[in-house]
Amino acid sequence: MADQEPVFQIQRVYLKEASLEQPNSPAILLEQEQPAVDIQLGVEATPVAEGIFEVSVTATVQTKIGDKTVFLVEAKQAGIFEIRNLPEEQLSQIMGIACPQIVYPYLRGNVADLIQRGGFPPVHLSEINFQAMYEQQQADAAGAPAGSLPQ
C-alpha cells in the first residue's frame, strides 16, 4: 500500500526561455514621456513522463510610448515536478496553483534582472493569486459567468 501514497516533489526549476527586444533604441531612449506598461501572464502544464510534469509560467512585458515599443521582454520559467497517486481533480489543482506558485518567484526575479540589464529601471511583477487565476480559468472553461461560484 505504500506505493499508493501521494507524491509531490520538485525535480528542478529553470529558465526555459528569455528575450529582450529594444526595436526603437536609441532614439526612443531620449523620449521624456512615461511609457505605458502591459504585462501578460500564462501558465502551462505538460506531461513529460509517467508521473512527471513540466509546469511553466510565461510573462510578456511590453512598454510603449505612443505606438512605439520601448522594450519587449518575454520569459518562460519552468519546473519539473513529480506528481503521483492523486485524483485527477487534485492533480489539475496542483499543476494550476501549487506548481506556478513555486515557479513564479524565479520568473519575477529573472524578468526584473533582464529589464535592468537592458538599461531600464526594473519592472517588478506583482504577486499573483494563482488560485483565483485557476478558478477563473475553470469558470471560463465551464462557461460560467465570472465571479460565480459553483453551487
Protein backbone atom coordinates (compact mmCIF):
# COMPACT_ATOMS: atom_id res chain seq x y z
CA MET A 1 0.00 0.00 0.00
CA ALA A 2 2.95 2.37 0.48
CA ASP A 3 3.21 2.61 -3.32
CA GLN A 4 -0.17 4.38 -3.44
CA GLU A 5 0.79 7.31 -1.19
CA PRO A 6 0.57 10.72 -2.88
CA VAL A 7 3.89 12.09 -4.16
CA PHE A 8 4.72 15.74 -4.87
CA GLN A 9 8.37 16.65 -5.43
CA ILE A 10 10.19 19.44 -7.22
CA GLN A 11 12.78 17.95 -9.54
CA ARG A 12 14.15 21.20 -11.00
CA VAL A 13 13.28 24.86 -11.64
CA TYR A 14 14.87 26.53 -14.66
CA LEU A 15 14.67 29.47 -17.04
CA LYS A 16 13.41 27.90 -20.25
CA GLU A 17 13.31 30.95 -22.49
CA ALA A 18 14.10 34.68 -22.27
CA SER A 19 14.33 37.53 -24.74
CA LEU A 20 14.68 41.30 -24.63
CA GLU A 21 13.98 43.48 -27.65
CA GLN A 22 14.56 47.24 -27.97
CA PRO A 23 13.43 47.82 -31.57
CA ASN A 24 13.38 51.63 -31.40
CA SER A 25 16.62 52.24 -29.49
CA PRO A 26 18.48 54.51 -29.20
CA ALA A 27 16.01 57.23 -30.33
CA ILE A 28 13.19 56.09 -28.02
CA LEU A 29 15.54 56.35 -25.03
CA LEU A 30 15.66 60.13 -25.49
CA GLU A 31 11.89 60.46 -25.06
CA GLN A 32 10.77 62.20 -21.85
CA GLU A 33 7.26 60.76 -21.82
CA GLN A 34 6.45 57.93 -19.39
CA PRO A 35 5.88 54.64 -21.21
CA ALA A 36 2.74 52.57 -20.84
CA VAL A 37 3.42 49.09 -19.45
CA ASP A 38 1.45 46.00 -20.48
CA ILE A 39 2.03 42.69 -18.66
CA GLN A 40 0.59 39.34 -19.74
CA LEU A 41 0.97 36.07 -17.83
CA GLY A 42 0.25 32.48 -18.77
CA VAL A 43 0.52 29.06 -17.14
CA GLU A 44 1.06 25.81 -19.00
CA ALA A 45 1.38 22.21 -17.79
CA THR A 46 2.74 19.40 -19.94
CA PRO A 47 3.24 15.72 -19.10
CA VAL A 48 6.89 14.70 -19.62
CA ALA A 49 6.83 11.06 -18.48
CA GLU A 50 4.68 8.88 -16.23
CA GLY A 51 4.08 10.99 -13.09
CA ILE A 52 6.48 13.74 -14.29
CA PHE A 53 5.18 17.13 -15.43
CA GLU A 54 6.66 20.38 -16.67
CA VAL A 55 4.79 23.45 -15.45
CA SER A 56 5.79 26.79 -16.93
CA VAL A 57 4.80 30.38 -16.26
CA THR A 58 5.28 32.86 -19.09
CA ALA A 59 5.47 36.64 -18.75
CA THR A 60 5.36 39.17 -21.55
CA VAL A 61 6.21 42.74 -20.56
CA GLN A 62 5.86 45.42 -23.20
CA THR A 63 6.41 49.13 -22.71
CA LYS A 64 5.36 51.68 -25.30
CA ILE A 65 5.46 55.40 -25.81
CA GLY A 66 2.62 56.14 -28.18
CA ASP A 67 2.71 53.37 -30.75
CA LYS A 68 6.47 52.77 -30.47
CA THR A 69 7.85 49.94 -28.37
CA VAL A 70 10.46 50.92 -25.79
CA PHE A 71 11.20 47.32 -24.86
CA LEU A 72 9.60 43.90 -25.02
CA VAL A 73 10.58 41.13 -22.63
CA GLU A 74 9.33 37.58 -22.93
CA ALA A 75 10.38 34.99 -20.38
CA LYS A 76 9.29 31.45 -19.57
CA GLN A 77 10.25 29.92 -16.23
CA ALA A 78 9.56 26.22 -15.82
CA GLY A 79 9.74 23.49 -13.26
CA ILE A 80 9.77 19.73 -13.45
CA PHE A 81 7.57 18.12 -10.82
CA GLU A 82 6.96 14.53 -9.82
CA ILE A 83 3.27 14.16 -9.01
CA ARG A 84 1.82 10.70 -8.44
CA ASN A 85 -1.18 8.95 -6.92
CA LEU A 86 -3.52 11.94 -6.86
CA PRO A 87 -7.10 12.08 -8.13
CA GLU A 88 -7.42 13.93 -11.47
CA GLU A 89 -9.11 16.96 -9.86
CA GLN A 90 -6.30 17.36 -7.29
CA LEU A 91 -3.67 16.84 -9.98
CA SER A 92 -5.19 19.67 -12.01
CA GLN A 93 -5.24 21.97 -8.96
CA ILE A 94 -1.63 21.15 -8.04
CA MET A 95 -0.45 21.92 -11.59
CA GLY A 96 -2.62 25.04 -11.87
CA ILE A 97 -1.97 26.52 -8.41
CA ALA A 98 0.86 24.98 -6.36
CA CYS A 99 3.42 24.50 -9.15
CA PRO A 100 3.05 28.02 -10.60
CA GLN A 101 3.38 29.46 -7.08
CA ILE A 102 6.75 27.70 -6.78
CA VAL A 103 8.00 28.75 -10.24
CA TYR A 104 6.70 32.35 -10.32
CA PRO A 105 9.17 33.98 -7.86
CA TYR A 106 12.06 32.82 -10.08
CA LEU A 107 10.30 34.32 -13.10
CA ARG A 108 9.78 37.63 -11.29
CA GLY A 109 13.47 37.88 -10.45
CA ASN A 110 14.62 36.94 -13.94
CA VAL A 111 12.28 39.43 -15.64
CA ALA A 112 13.36 42.29 -13.35
CA ASP A 113 17.02 41.38 -13.89
CA LEU A 114 16.69 41.14 -17.67
CA ILE A 115 14.97 44.54 -17.89
CA GLN A 116 17.58 46.14 -15.63
CA ARG A 117 20.44 44.62 -17.63
CA GLY A 118 18.83 46.17 -20.72
CA GLY A 119 19.43 49.59 -19.17
CA PHE A 120 15.95 50.26 -17.80
CA PRO A 121 14.58 50.56 -14.28
CA PRO A 122 13.37 47.08 -13.29
CA VAL A 123 9.70 46.25 -13.70
CA HIS A 124 8.61 44.23 -10.70
CA LEU A 125 5.83 41.81 -11.48
CA SER A 126 3.21 41.88 -8.74
CA GLU A 127 2.25 38.90 -6.62
CA ILE A 128 -0.28 36.64 -8.33
CA ASN A 129 -3.11 34.72 -6.71
CA PHE A 130 -2.81 31.54 -8.77
CA GLN A 131 -5.82 30.02 -7.00
CA ALA A 132 -8.07 32.86 -8.19
CA MET A 133 -6.50 32.65 -11.65
CA TYR A 134 -7.10 28.87 -11.75
CA GLU A 135 -10.70 29.24 -10.56
CA GLN A 136 -11.34 31.92 -13.20
CA GLN A 137 -9.95 29.63 -15.92
CA GLN A 138 -12.15 26.79 -14.68
CA ALA A 139 -15.21 29.06 -14.68
CA ASP A 140 -14.37 30.31 -18.18
CA ALA A 141 -13.93 26.73 -19.41
CA ALA A 142 -17.30 25.77 -17.91
CA GLY A 143 -18.98 28.80 -19.47
CA ALA A 144 -19.98 30.19 -16.08
CA PRO A 145 -20.14 33.95 -15.59
CA ALA A 146 -17.03 35.46 -13.97
CA GLY A 147 -17.13 35.59 -10.19
CA SER A 148 -19.86 32.97 -9.84
CA LEU A 149 -19.24 30.04 -7.55
CA PRO A 150 -20.44 26.50 -8.17
CA GLN A 151 -23.50 25.67 -6.06
